[in-house]
Amino acid sequence: MADLTGRTALVTGAGGGIGAACARALAAQGAKVTVADLDGDRARDVAASIGGEPWEVDLLDVTPLESLDLSVDILVNNAGIQTVSPIEQFPPERFRAMIRLMLEAPFLLVRAALPHMYAQRFGRVINISSVHGLRASPFKVAYVAAKHALEGMSKVVAAEGGPHNVTSNCVNPGYVRTPLVEGQIADQAAVHKISADEVLQTVLLERSAIKRLIEPDDIAELVTWLASDAAGMATGSSWVMDGGWSAQ
């Protein structure tokens, strides 16, 4: 168990899915969690359930983040979106928006949090990446590009933060049972012209050794360990939890 009593945490995209599971898991170990989400009602509901603080924020609006000062010990960059489309049909503005949300916003949040982390000589930056931060799949050009770049940024944070006892890691899930993945199933069905069940078995889980979707709580347990004192020497790494997807 990770004792996070007295620690403060910020989790983005925490109104549901992986983010909500991480917020609950961190709070269960004693952290005071700020629940950040575009949907203010969902952020408030999750925050109320864990004794945390809600933060209704549009991370696509990055300009206000440039002057942000974050006094948090644990930063979990989780917010993300997906679009499934062939490159020649991919809307350029959607590509830019996905890079902004999943790379520029995490950079600015890390930038805002590091002074506090450095001053207290403790910090945990945990970036929810993806197996697609290490591998590519067709029709996901913006998502794969953003996650690959996030992996590189995380390693730079690890290199700079190490002397200050600040760690930085990526968590790399395969397909997790979230609304984002459920939306992907519908999109993939349209692209491949097959049923949703066929997408799950022949597209999403086809390369997985364990033929089931990952649960958000599985990811939250790993995030909670990475946030703990026990993970003080775990930094600059990509922690893959993909049911064996990338092993084959």
Protein backbone atom coordinates (compact mmCIF):
# COMPACT_ATOMS: atom_id res chain seq x y z
CA MET A 1 0.00 0.00 0.00
CA ALA A 2 1.15 3.55 -0.75
CA ASP A 3 0.82 5.98 2.14
CA LEU A 4 0.15 9.36 0.54
CA THR A 5 -1.04 11.11 3.70
CA GLY A 6 -0.28 14.82 3.46
CA ARG A 7 0.40 14.73 -0.29
CA THR A 8 -1.49 16.83 -2.81
CA ALA A 9 -2.36 15.59 -6.27
CA LEU A 10 -3.84 16.92 -9.50
CA VAL A 11 -5.44 14.51 -11.98
CA THR A 12 -6.63 15.80 -15.36
CA GLY A 13 -9.53 14.25 -17.20
CA ALA A 14 -10.65 12.95 -13.82
CA GLY A 15 -14.39 13.23 -14.33
CA GLY A 16 -14.54 9.62 -15.47
CA GLY A 17 -12.63 6.62 -16.77
CA ILE A 18 -8.96 6.25 -15.91
CA GLY A 19 -8.75 9.74 -14.40
CA ALA A 20 -11.59 9.15 -11.94
CA ALA A 21 -10.12 5.78 -10.95
CA CYS A 22 -6.74 7.43 -10.32
CA ALA A 23 -8.31 10.22 -8.28
CA ARG A 24 -10.16 7.72 -6.11
CA ALA A 25 -7.11 5.50 -5.64
CA LEU A 26 -4.83 8.40 -4.68
CA ALA A 27 -7.43 9.75 -2.26
CA ALA A 28 -7.89 6.30 -0.72
CA GLN A 29 -4.20 6.39 0.23
CA GLY A 30 -4.51 9.79 1.89
CA ALA A 31 -3.78 12.31 -0.88
CA LYS A 32 -5.79 15.50 -1.23
CA VAL A 33 -6.82 15.37 -4.89
CA THR A 34 -7.82 18.14 -7.29
CA VAL A 35 -10.18 16.67 -9.88
CA ALA A 36 -9.71 18.53 -13.16
CA ASP A 37 -12.14 18.04 -16.02
CA LEU A 38 -13.81 19.92 -18.85
CA ASP A 39 -17.17 18.75 -17.48
CA GLY A 40 -17.59 20.70 -14.26
CA ASP A 41 -20.49 18.61 -13.01
CA ARG A 42 -18.53 15.39 -13.34
CA ALA A 43 -15.48 16.96 -11.69
CA ARG A 44 -17.61 18.11 -8.77
CA ASP A 45 -19.26 14.70 -8.40
CA VAL A 46 -15.94 12.85 -8.26
CA ALA A 47 -14.38 15.45 -5.95
CA ALA A 48 -17.34 15.28 -3.58
CA SER A 49 -17.07 11.49 -3.40
CA ILE A 50 -13.39 11.59 -2.33
CA GLY A 51 -13.17 14.77 -0.29
CA GLY A 52 -11.23 16.49 -3.07
CA GLU A 53 -11.44 19.78 -4.94
CA PRO A 54 -13.01 20.17 -8.40
CA TRP A 55 -11.36 22.21 -11.14
CA GLU A 56 -13.46 22.87 -14.23
CA VAL A 57 -10.88 23.59 -16.93
CA ASP A 58 -10.63 23.50 -20.71
CA LEU A 59 -7.09 22.26 -21.36
CA LEU A 60 -7.46 23.11 -25.04
CA ASP A 61 -7.27 26.74 -23.93
CA VAL A 62 -3.57 26.65 -23.14
CA THR A 63 -2.83 30.37 -22.78
CA PRO A 64 -4.00 30.61 -19.13
CA LEU A 65 -1.79 27.63 -18.29
CA GLU A 66 1.32 29.64 -19.21
CA SER A 67 1.03 31.73 -16.03
CA LEU A 68 -0.26 28.95 -13.77
CA ASP A 69 1.42 28.19 -10.43
CA LEU A 70 0.69 24.66 -9.21
CA SER A 71 1.51 23.65 -5.65
CA VAL A 72 0.96 19.94 -6.06
CA ASP A 73 3.17 17.01 -5.13
CA ILE A 74 1.72 14.55 -7.66
CA LEU A 75 0.67 15.46 -11.21
CA VAL A 76 -1.22 12.91 -13.30
CA ASN A 77 -1.58 14.03 -16.92
CA ASN A 78 -4.47 11.92 -18.11
CA ALA A 79 -6.84 14.05 -20.23
CA GLY A 80 -7.12 12.82 -23.79
CA ILE A 81 -9.29 12.49 -26.86
CA GLN A 82 -9.24 10.21 -29.89
CA THR A 83 -10.06 10.45 -33.58
CA VAL A 84 -9.94 7.47 -35.94
CA SER A 85 -9.42 8.49 -39.55
CA PRO A 86 -7.11 7.87 -42.51
CA ILE A 87 -4.37 10.50 -42.72
CA GLU A 88 -5.61 11.96 -46.01
CA GLN A 89 -9.01 12.58 -44.42
CA PHE A 90 -7.77 13.69 -40.99
CA PRO A 91 -8.98 17.25 -40.20
CA PRO A 92 -5.91 19.48 -39.64
CA GLU A 93 -7.55 21.44 -36.83
CA ARG A 94 -8.42 18.21 -35.03
CA PHE A 95 -4.78 17.12 -35.33
CA ARG A 96 -3.61 20.42 -33.81
CA ALA A 97 -6.20 20.20 -31.02
CA MET A 98 -5.11 16.69 -30.03
CA ILE A 99 -1.45 17.72 -29.91
CA ARG A 100 -2.44 20.75 -27.83
CA LEU A 101 -4.43 18.69 -25.32
CA MET A 102 -2.13 15.69 -24.98
CA LEU A 103 1.30 17.33 -25.32
CA GLU A 104 1.25 21.10 -24.90
CA ALA A 105 -1.13 21.12 -21.91
CA PRO A 106 0.87 18.44 -20.04
CA PHE A 107 4.08 20.41 -20.72
CA LEU A 108 2.53 23.56 -19.29
CA LEU A 109 1.17 21.76 -16.22
CA VAL A 110 4.57 20.17 -15.57
CA ARG A 111 6.19 23.58 -16.03
CA ALA A 112 3.77 25.06 -13.50
CA ALA A 113 4.30 22.27 -10.94
CA LEU A 114 8.07 21.83 -10.99
CA PRO A 115 9.03 24.93 -8.92
CA HIS A 116 6.96 23.63 -5.97
CA MET A 117 8.28 20.10 -6.42
CA TYR A 118 11.87 21.31 -6.62
CA ALA A 119 11.47 23.56 -3.56
CA GLN A 120 10.24 20.69 -1.39
CA ARG A 121 12.53 18.10 -3.01
CA PHE A 122 9.69 15.74 -3.83
CA GLY A 123 7.55 15.34 -6.89
CA ARG A 124 5.83 12.73 -9.00
CA VAL A 125 4.92 13.40 -12.63
CA ILE A 126 2.86 10.55 -14.05
CA ASN A 127 1.82 10.77 -17.69
CA ILE A 128 -0.93 8.49 -18.89
CA SER A 129 0.49 7.55 -22.25
CA SER A 130 -0.54 4.45 -24.17
CA VAL A 131 0.85 1.40 -25.87
CA HIS A 132 0.51 3.78 -28.84
CA GLY A 133 3.26 5.85 -27.26
CA LEU A 134 5.54 2.91 -28.14
CA ARG A 135 3.82 1.36 -31.16
CA ALA A 136 1.77 2.66 -34.07
CA SER A 137 -1.61 1.67 -35.44
CA PRO A 138 -3.30 2.84 -38.64
CA PHE A 139 -5.90 5.62 -38.56
CA LYS A 140 -4.60 7.20 -35.31
CA VAL A 141 -2.01 9.65 -36.58
CA ALA A 142 -2.62 12.46 -34.06
CA TYR A 143 -2.98 10.19 -31.04
CA VAL A 144 0.16 8.19 -31.87
CA ALA A 145 2.13 11.37 -32.58
CA ALA A 146 1.02 13.01 -29.32
CA LYS A 147 1.77 9.96 -27.19
CA HIS A 148 5.19 9.40 -28.75
CA ALA A 149 6.05 13.03 -28.03
CA LEU A 150 4.72 12.74 -24.47
CA GLU A 151 7.12 9.83 -23.92
CA GLY A 152 10.05 12.03 -24.92
CA MET A 153 8.92 14.91 -22.76
CA SER A 154 8.52 12.61 -19.78
CA LYS A 155 12.12 11.42 -20.13
CA VAL A 156 13.41 15.01 -20.22
CA VAL A 157 11.45 15.77 -17.03
CA ALA A 158 13.03 12.69 -15.45
CA ALA A 159 16.51 13.85 -16.45
CA GLU A 160 16.03 17.39 -15.16
CA GLY A 161 14.00 16.42 -12.11
CA GLY A 162 16.23 13.65 -10.82
CA PRO A 163 18.64 15.90 -8.89
CA HIS A 164 15.58 17.41 -7.14
CA ASN A 165 14.06 14.03 -6.17
CA VAL A 166 11.32 14.50 -8.78
CA THR A 167 10.42 11.45 -10.84
CA SER A 168 8.64 11.30 -14.18
CA ASN A 169 7.13 8.20 -15.75
CA CYS A 170 4.66 7.15 -18.41
CA VAL A 171 1.97 4.55 -17.89
CA ASN A 172 1.20 2.74 -21.14
CA PRO A 173 -2.15 0.97 -21.14
CA GLY A 174 -3.55 -1.11 -23.92
CA TYR A 175 -7.27 -0.88 -24.43
CA VAL A 176 -9.03 0.16 -21.23
CA ARG A 177 -12.75 -0.07 -20.59
CA THR A 178 -13.54 3.65 -20.86
CA PRO A 179 -15.94 5.83 -22.88
CA LEU A 180 -12.96 6.79 -25.07
CA VAL A 181 -12.36 3.17 -26.07
CA GLU A 182 -16.07 2.48 -26.48
CA GLY A 183 -16.13 5.40 -28.91
CA GLN A 184 -13.15 3.93 -30.74
CA ILE A 185 -15.01 0.64 -31.16
CA ALA A 186 -17.82 2.46 -32.95
CA ASP A 187 -15.34 4.46 -35.08
CA GLN A 188 -13.33 1.37 -35.99
CA ALA A 189 -16.52 -0.47 -36.91
CA ALA A 190 -17.34 2.31 -39.35
CA VAL A 191 -13.82 2.43 -40.82
CA HIS A 192 -13.50 -1.35 -41.23
CA LYS A 193 -17.19 -1.90 -42.00
CA ILE A 194 -17.55 -4.64 -39.39
CA SER A 195 -19.59 -5.10 -36.20
CA ALA A 196 -18.58 -3.74 -32.79
CA ASP A 197 -18.00 -7.30 -31.49
CA GLU A 198 -15.70 -8.01 -34.42
CA VAL A 199 -13.76 -4.81 -33.71
CA LEU A 200 -13.18 -5.89 -30.11
CA GLN A 201 -11.91 -9.35 -31.02
CA THR A 202 -10.16 -8.81 -34.37
CA VAL A 203 -8.88 -5.23 -34.02
CA LEU A 204 -8.53 -4.14 -30.38
CA LEU A 205 -7.69 -7.48 -28.74
CA GLU A 206 -6.29 -9.33 -31.73
CA ARG A 207 -2.67 -8.92 -30.55
CA SER A 208 -3.40 -9.17 -26.83
CA ALA A 209 -2.33 -12.32 -24.99
CA ILE A 210 -5.06 -11.71 -22.39
CA LYS A 211 -8.33 -11.34 -24.24
CA ARG A 212 -10.11 -8.72 -22.17
CA LEU A 213 -10.19 -4.97 -21.80
CA ILE A 214 -8.09 -3.50 -19.00
CA GLU A 215 -10.08 -1.97 -16.15
CA PRO A 216 -9.46 1.64 -15.03
CA ASP A 217 -8.70 0.41 -11.50
CA ASP A 218 -5.82 -1.69 -12.89
CA ILE A 219 -4.17 1.50 -14.15
CA ALA A 220 -4.98 3.40 -10.95
CA GLU A 221 -3.14 0.85 -8.81
CA LEU A 222 0.04 1.33 -10.86
CA VAL A 223 -0.32 5.11 -10.76
CA THR A 224 -0.71 5.04 -6.99
CA TRP A 225 2.49 3.02 -6.59
CA LEU A 226 4.40 5.38 -8.88
CA ALA A 227 3.20 8.28 -6.70
CA SER A 228 4.54 6.68 -3.53
CA ASP A 229 7.86 6.93 -1.72
CA ALA A 230 8.51 3.30 -2.69
CA ALA A 231 8.86 4.36 -6.34
CA GLY A 232 11.59 6.90 -5.68
CA MET A 233 14.04 5.18 -8.05
CA ALA A 234 11.49 4.53 -10.77
CA THR A 235 11.90 7.36 -13.27
CA GLY A 236 12.27 7.95 -16.99
CA SER A 237 10.42 4.72 -17.74
CA SER A 238 7.38 3.53 -19.67
CA TRP A 239 5.27 1.15 -17.58
CA VAL A 240 3.38 -1.03 -20.01
CA MET A 241 0.07 -2.64 -19.01
CA ASP A 242 -1.36 -3.95 -22.25
CA GLY A 243 -2.19 -7.62 -21.64
CA GLY A 244 0.76 -8.63 -23.80
CA TRP A 245 -0.30 -6.53 -26.82
CA SER A 246 3.22 -5.20 -27.45
CA ALA A 247 4.99 -8.49 -26.68
CA GLN A 248 3.90 -10.13 -29.93
